[in-house]
Every structure is written in C-alpha cells, then in structure tokens.
Amino acid sequence: MNPSDITKLLEQVRSGRITVQAALGRLKHLPFEDVAYAHIDHHRGLRHGMPEVIYCEGKTIEQIAGITKRMLKAGSDILATRASDAVFKAVKKLDRRAVYHKSSRAIVIEHNKKDLTAGVVLVLTAGTSDIPIAEEAAVTAGTLGSTVQTVYDVGVAGIHRILSKKTILDSARVIVVVAGMDGALPSVVGGLVDKPIIAVPTSIGYGAGFQGLAPLLTMLNSCSSGIAVMNIDNGFGAGVLAHRINLLGER
C-alpha cells in the first residue's frame, strides 16, 4: 500500500464506506518499506504496540542512519540497542532529541512523552558487573512506558542485601533479575514474592561459567515457580516482556 492508497482509505472512512476499525485492520497489514539492505516495518506499532527496534550490532553506521531516517520520517519513536558512540553521533545529526544511555548502549528518540504506568517494573542485579544488561532492560521498559525502579548489587553472596529490599520487592508489579556467575538470585527472589519474575543470565563470570551458560542452566532449573528465563545477556527482551506484563495490570 503506497501513500495514495492510504489517502483513498482515509477518504473511505470519512465517507462512511468503511469503519475506523476496518481501516485499522487494513493498516495493520501494510507492507514494509524496502530499502535494499532492510525491510522496515513501519506498522509494527499498530500490531505490537511498539515500533520496530534497531539492533545495531552487525549493521554499518550508514545502514543504521538510513533506517533511523526513514523511521523518523514515518513518525516513529526510535529505540536502537547495542549502539556505539559513533552510531550515536550519526543519529544525533538526524535528530537533536536523541539520547544515548551509555551504560546500556541504547539510543532513544521520543516524539511525545508517554504517561508512565502506575505499576512498577523493578530491575535487580546480582552484581555491579551485570548493570549494563540490567540497564538495557530498564531503558527498554521505560521507553515503552513503564515506570521503572532499579536496585543493583544485591546478589546472594551477601544475602542480607536482598532481604533488606523486601518493601521494594513487594511494591513492584514485575521483577527482572539479572545475574551472572551462579545465577542463583532469581530463585531467592522467587521465594520471597508472588510477582512474575523475568530472569536474565549474563555472560559475567569465570571460565566455568561458559559465557553465561552456567547461570542460564541454573535459572532454567530454578526450584522457585513463576520464573521466565531470557537468553544470555538479553536485557532488551526482558524489558519488552516486563512492560507487556505490566500493561496487563494497568488494564
């Protein structure tokens, strides 16, 4: 469907030949924009409630800038993950509103500030070294519209630290727990609360951790119920899932 087709569709709505709901149904299935190196899904927001996210690793700066430029032209907010300083400089030239969250390596451009949720997504880390992945989850959920709180470095090596946060744990609607090493923190948190928990294993740890495989297996074998496990270092996926669960509580 090209711009002229969209104009015709709007005319049909104005004339009463089709309903607004029917028009939205058609828009949800609009084709992508083909720019040779990417097929940009401009209408993902209609289907998923969030625009397409730009994963920067493996793409050239020119490709990222090209995708960003077309998404901005279509009126989309921008969330670009795993972005470098050089990528941010290129994106900043396209839109001065671009913000670089250095710890998570995420770039955000928001056209309109969202009303944040009443429910809270709480992001925990076992250690300070896990913060970059946790920040990716926090920035993602926050950009999508969730109210986010973070509590870092409360791993099981000092169990009193997480126990002292019981009030914060109880106040959250969804909890994201990010941990490397032995990956035990999600099980501990799962034994303390009745909230959905999203566990994210990180590649932080020594050799026998096998770049995150050890905490991944620990989390998959957790004795605590109600824990969903993401892939290794997938803070972005955890942020999206946490926000969607949070939205269910808003409704």
Protein backbone atom coordinates (compact mmCIF):
# COMPACT_ATOMS: atom_id res chain seq x y z
CA MET A 1 0.00 0.00 0.00
CA ASN A 2 1.51 3.31 -1.11
CA PRO A 3 0.67 6.86 0.13
CA SER A 4 -2.09 7.29 -2.46
CA ASP A 5 -3.73 4.07 -1.25
CA ILE A 6 -3.64 5.40 2.30
CA THR A 7 -5.29 8.62 1.13
CA LYS A 8 -8.06 6.61 -0.53
CA LEU A 9 -8.51 4.58 2.65
CA LEU A 10 -8.92 7.78 4.68
CA GLU A 11 -11.49 9.06 2.18
CA GLN A 12 -13.45 5.83 2.57
CA VAL A 13 -13.51 6.32 6.34
CA ARG A 14 -14.64 9.94 6.02
CA SER A 15 -17.41 8.99 3.60
CA GLY A 16 -18.60 6.20 5.88
CA ARG A 17 -17.96 3.43 3.34
CA ILE A 18 -15.80 1.58 5.86
CA THR A 19 -15.49 1.86 9.62
CA VAL A 20 -12.46 3.12 11.51
CA GLN A 21 -11.97 -0.41 12.91
CA ALA A 22 -11.93 -1.87 9.39
CA ALA A 23 -9.41 0.75 8.26
CA LEU A 24 -7.14 -0.04 11.20
CA GLY A 25 -7.41 -3.71 10.30
CA ARG A 26 -6.09 -2.96 6.83
CA LEU A 27 -3.34 -0.70 8.14
CA LYS A 28 -2.09 -3.47 10.41
CA HIS A 29 -1.21 -5.48 7.34
CA LEU A 30 0.50 -2.74 5.36
CA PRO A 31 3.71 -3.84 3.66
CA PHE A 32 7.17 -2.85 4.75
CA GLU A 33 9.46 -0.27 3.18
CA ASP A 34 12.19 -1.92 1.12
CA VAL A 35 15.48 -0.01 1.27
CA ALA A 36 17.69 -2.75 -0.26
CA TYR A 37 19.54 -3.60 2.97
CA ALA A 38 16.43 -3.67 5.19
CA HIS A 39 12.67 -4.13 5.09
CA ILE A 40 11.42 -1.53 7.57
CA ASP A 41 8.18 -2.49 9.29
CA HIS A 42 6.58 0.92 9.87
CA HIS A 43 3.32 -0.54 11.14
CA ARG A 44 4.69 -2.82 13.83
CA GLY A 45 3.41 -0.31 16.37
CA LEU A 46 -0.17 -0.97 15.24
CA ARG A 47 0.27 -4.71 15.70
CA HIS A 48 2.58 -4.87 18.71
CA GLY A 49 2.08 -1.55 20.47
CA MET A 50 5.73 -0.63 19.91
CA PRO A 51 7.72 0.38 16.81
CA GLU A 52 10.43 -1.73 15.25
CA VAL A 53 13.63 -1.64 17.30
CA ILE A 54 17.00 -1.18 15.59
CA TYR A 55 19.57 -3.77 16.67
CA CYS A 56 22.85 -2.06 15.79
CA GLU A 57 25.46 -4.81 16.08
CA GLY A 58 26.39 -6.14 12.65
CA LYS A 59 25.00 -3.09 10.82
CA THR A 60 27.06 -0.29 9.34
CA ILE A 61 26.63 3.28 10.56
CA GLU A 62 25.21 4.18 7.15
CA GLN A 63 22.61 1.42 7.38
CA ILE A 64 21.57 2.41 10.91
CA ALA A 65 21.32 6.07 9.91
CA GLY A 66 19.28 5.16 6.84
CA ILE A 67 16.80 3.06 8.83
CA THR A 68 16.54 5.75 11.52
CA LYS A 69 15.92 8.49 8.97
CA ARG A 70 13.05 6.58 7.36
CA MET A 71 11.51 5.66 10.70
CA LEU A 72 11.65 9.29 11.84
CA LYS A 73 10.00 10.35 8.58
CA ALA A 74 7.20 7.88 9.32
CA GLY A 75 6.73 9.42 12.78
CA SER A 76 8.11 6.51 14.80
CA ASP A 77 9.88 6.78 18.09
CA ILE A 78 13.37 5.28 17.97
CA LEU A 79 14.95 2.67 20.20
CA ALA A 80 18.32 1.45 18.95
CA THR A 81 20.12 -1.18 21.01
CA ARG A 82 23.81 -2.17 21.25
CA ALA A 83 24.84 1.14 19.69
CA SER A 84 28.34 2.61 19.76
CA ASP A 85 29.38 6.22 20.35
CA ALA A 86 29.98 6.58 16.62
CA VAL A 87 26.44 5.39 15.85
CA PHE A 88 25.03 7.87 18.37
CA LYS A 89 26.90 10.75 16.73
CA ALA A 90 25.39 9.82 13.37
CA VAL A 91 21.87 9.52 14.80
CA LYS A 92 22.23 12.78 16.73
CA LYS A 93 22.80 14.57 13.41
CA LEU A 94 19.41 13.28 12.24
CA ASP A 95 17.51 14.33 15.36
CA ARG A 96 18.84 16.52 18.17
CA ARG A 97 16.44 14.87 20.63
CA ALA A 98 18.45 11.64 20.51
CA VAL A 99 19.62 10.47 23.95
CA TYR A 100 22.42 7.95 24.45
CA HIS A 101 22.20 5.72 27.51
CA LYS A 102 25.87 4.84 27.64
CA SER A 103 25.71 2.00 30.17
CA SER A 104 23.12 0.08 28.16
CA ARG A 105 24.38 1.33 24.78
CA ALA A 106 20.83 2.29 23.82
CA ILE A 107 19.74 5.31 21.77
CA VAL A 108 16.27 6.73 22.35
CA ILE A 109 14.33 9.35 20.39
CA GLU A 110 10.85 10.11 21.71
CA HIS A 111 8.47 12.38 19.82
CA ASN A 112 5.98 12.57 22.66
CA LYS A 113 6.48 11.78 26.33
CA LYS A 114 4.33 8.85 27.41
CA ASP A 115 2.18 8.64 30.52
CA LEU A 116 4.09 6.17 32.66
CA THR A 117 2.35 3.20 34.22
CA ALA A 118 1.15 3.09 37.80
CA GLY A 119 2.67 -0.39 38.08
CA VAL A 120 6.41 -0.64 38.60
CA VAL A 121 8.93 -2.80 36.78
CA LEU A 122 11.74 -3.49 39.24
CA VAL A 123 15.14 -4.40 37.80
CA LEU A 124 17.64 -6.13 40.11
CA THR A 125 21.23 -7.22 39.55
CA ALA A 126 23.30 -9.71 41.47
CA GLY A 127 26.48 -7.69 40.89
CA THR A 128 27.73 -4.37 39.58
CA SER A 129 29.17 -6.10 36.50
CA ASP A 130 25.61 -7.09 35.48
CA ILE A 131 24.44 -3.47 35.31
CA PRO A 132 24.85 -2.95 31.51
CA ILE A 133 22.38 -5.76 30.76
CA ALA A 134 20.05 -4.56 33.52
CA GLU A 135 20.18 -1.03 32.13
CA GLU A 136 19.19 -2.37 28.71
CA ALA A 137 16.09 -3.90 30.32
CA ALA A 138 15.35 -0.74 32.31
CA VAL A 139 15.75 1.64 29.35
CA THR A 140 13.62 -0.62 27.15
CA ALA A 141 10.75 -0.89 29.62
CA GLY A 142 10.96 2.80 30.42
CA THR A 143 10.96 3.84 26.78
CA LEU A 144 7.86 1.72 26.17
CA GLY A 145 6.06 3.49 29.01
CA SER A 146 6.65 1.53 32.21
CA THR A 147 7.63 3.10 35.48
CA VAL A 148 10.99 1.52 36.32
CA GLN A 149 12.98 1.17 39.54
CA THR A 150 16.46 -0.32 39.79
CA VAL A 151 18.32 -1.97 42.67
CA TYR A 152 21.85 -3.09 41.88
CA ASP A 153 24.44 -5.35 43.51
CA VAL A 154 22.21 -7.42 45.80
CA GLY A 155 23.50 -10.91 44.99
CA VAL A 156 23.37 -13.99 47.16
CA ALA A 157 26.99 -13.68 48.35
CA GLY A 158 25.57 -11.12 50.79
CA ILE A 159 22.02 -12.40 51.23
CA HIS A 160 21.12 -9.67 53.74
CA ARG A 161 21.26 -7.11 50.91
CA ILE A 162 18.28 -8.52 49.00
CA LEU A 163 16.40 -9.30 52.21
CA SER A 164 16.64 -5.62 53.16
CA LYS A 165 14.77 -4.72 49.94
CA LYS A 166 11.57 -6.64 50.78
CA THR A 167 9.41 -3.49 50.75
CA ILE A 168 10.62 -2.56 47.27
CA LEU A 169 10.12 -6.14 46.06
CA ASP A 170 6.56 -6.16 47.35
CA SER A 171 5.72 -2.84 45.69
CA ALA A 172 6.70 -3.97 42.18
CA ARG A 173 4.31 -5.50 39.67
CA VAL A 174 7.01 -7.29 37.66
CA ILE A 175 10.60 -8.07 38.64
CA VAL A 176 13.54 -8.50 36.28
CA VAL A 177 16.50 -10.26 37.91
CA VAL A 178 19.86 -10.07 36.12
CA ALA A 179 22.69 -12.32 37.28
CA GLY A 180 25.86 -13.99 36.10
CA MET A 181 28.20 -16.32 37.99
CA ASP A 182 25.98 -18.99 39.61
CA GLY A 183 22.73 -17.23 38.60
CA ALA A 184 21.05 -18.01 41.92
CA LEU A 185 19.42 -14.65 42.65
CA PRO A 186 16.15 -15.26 40.70
CA SER A 187 15.44 -18.36 42.81
CA VAL A 188 15.96 -16.40 46.01
CA VAL A 189 13.70 -13.57 44.83
CA GLY A 190 11.14 -16.14 43.67
CA GLY A 191 10.95 -17.48 47.19
CA LEU A 192 10.20 -14.03 48.60
CA VAL A 193 7.45 -12.63 46.34
CA ASP A 194 4.27 -13.54 44.47
CA LYS A 195 5.16 -11.45 41.38
CA PRO A 196 6.11 -12.63 37.89
CA ILE A 197 9.89 -12.80 37.65
CA ILE A 198 11.94 -12.49 34.47
CA ALA A 199 15.43 -13.91 34.90
CA VAL A 200 18.29 -12.80 32.65
CA PRO A 201 21.56 -14.74 32.73
CA THR A 202 24.64 -12.72 31.87
CA SER A 203 27.99 -13.77 30.45
CA ILE A 204 29.73 -12.32 33.53
CA GLY A 205 31.86 -14.85 35.39
CA TYR A 206 34.94 -17.02 35.31
CA GLY A 207 35.79 -19.80 32.86
CA ALA A 208 33.44 -22.49 34.17
CA GLY A 209 30.55 -20.09 33.68
CA PHE A 210 30.91 -20.77 29.93
CA GLN A 211 29.97 -17.18 28.95
CA GLY A 212 26.60 -17.33 30.67
CA LEU A 213 25.65 -20.94 30.08
CA ALA A 214 26.04 -21.86 33.77
CA PRO A 215 23.63 -19.17 35.07
CA LEU A 216 21.25 -19.92 32.20
CA LEU A 217 21.00 -23.57 33.27
CA THR A 218 20.65 -22.57 36.93
CA MET A 219 17.73 -20.29 36.10
CA LEU A 220 16.06 -22.89 33.88
CA ASN A 221 16.33 -25.38 36.74
CA SER A 222 15.10 -22.98 39.41
CA CYS A 223 13.10 -24.55 42.24
CA SER A 224 11.08 -21.32 42.56
CA SER A 225 7.92 -21.16 40.46
CA GLY A 226 6.76 -18.28 38.28
CA ILE A 227 10.14 -17.51 36.69
CA ALA A 228 10.54 -16.88 32.96
CA VAL A 229 14.10 -17.10 31.62
CA MET A 230 15.52 -15.00 28.80
CA ASN A 231 18.51 -15.78 26.63
CA ILE A 232 22.02 -14.87 27.78
CA ASP A 233 22.55 -11.08 28.00
CA ASN A 234 19.09 -10.38 26.57
CA GLY A 235 18.17 -7.33 28.61
CA PHE A 236 16.11 -5.95 25.74
CA GLY A 237 13.85 -8.99 25.61
CA ALA A 238 13.37 -8.85 29.38
CA GLY A 239 12.40 -5.18 29.18
CA VAL A 240 9.78 -5.83 26.50
CA LEU A 241 8.25 -8.79 28.35
CA ALA A 242 8.22 -6.92 31.66
CA HIS A 243 6.43 -3.97 30.07
CA ARG A 244 3.80 -6.17 28.43
CA ILE A 245 3.07 -7.92 31.72
CA ASN A 246 2.94 -4.55 33.44
CA LEU A 247 0.40 -3.29 30.88
CA LEU A 248 -1.92 -6.20 31.68
CA GLY A 249 -2.04 -4.93 35.24
CA GLU A 250 -2.87 -1.42 34.04
CA ARG A 251 -5.89 -2.71 32.12
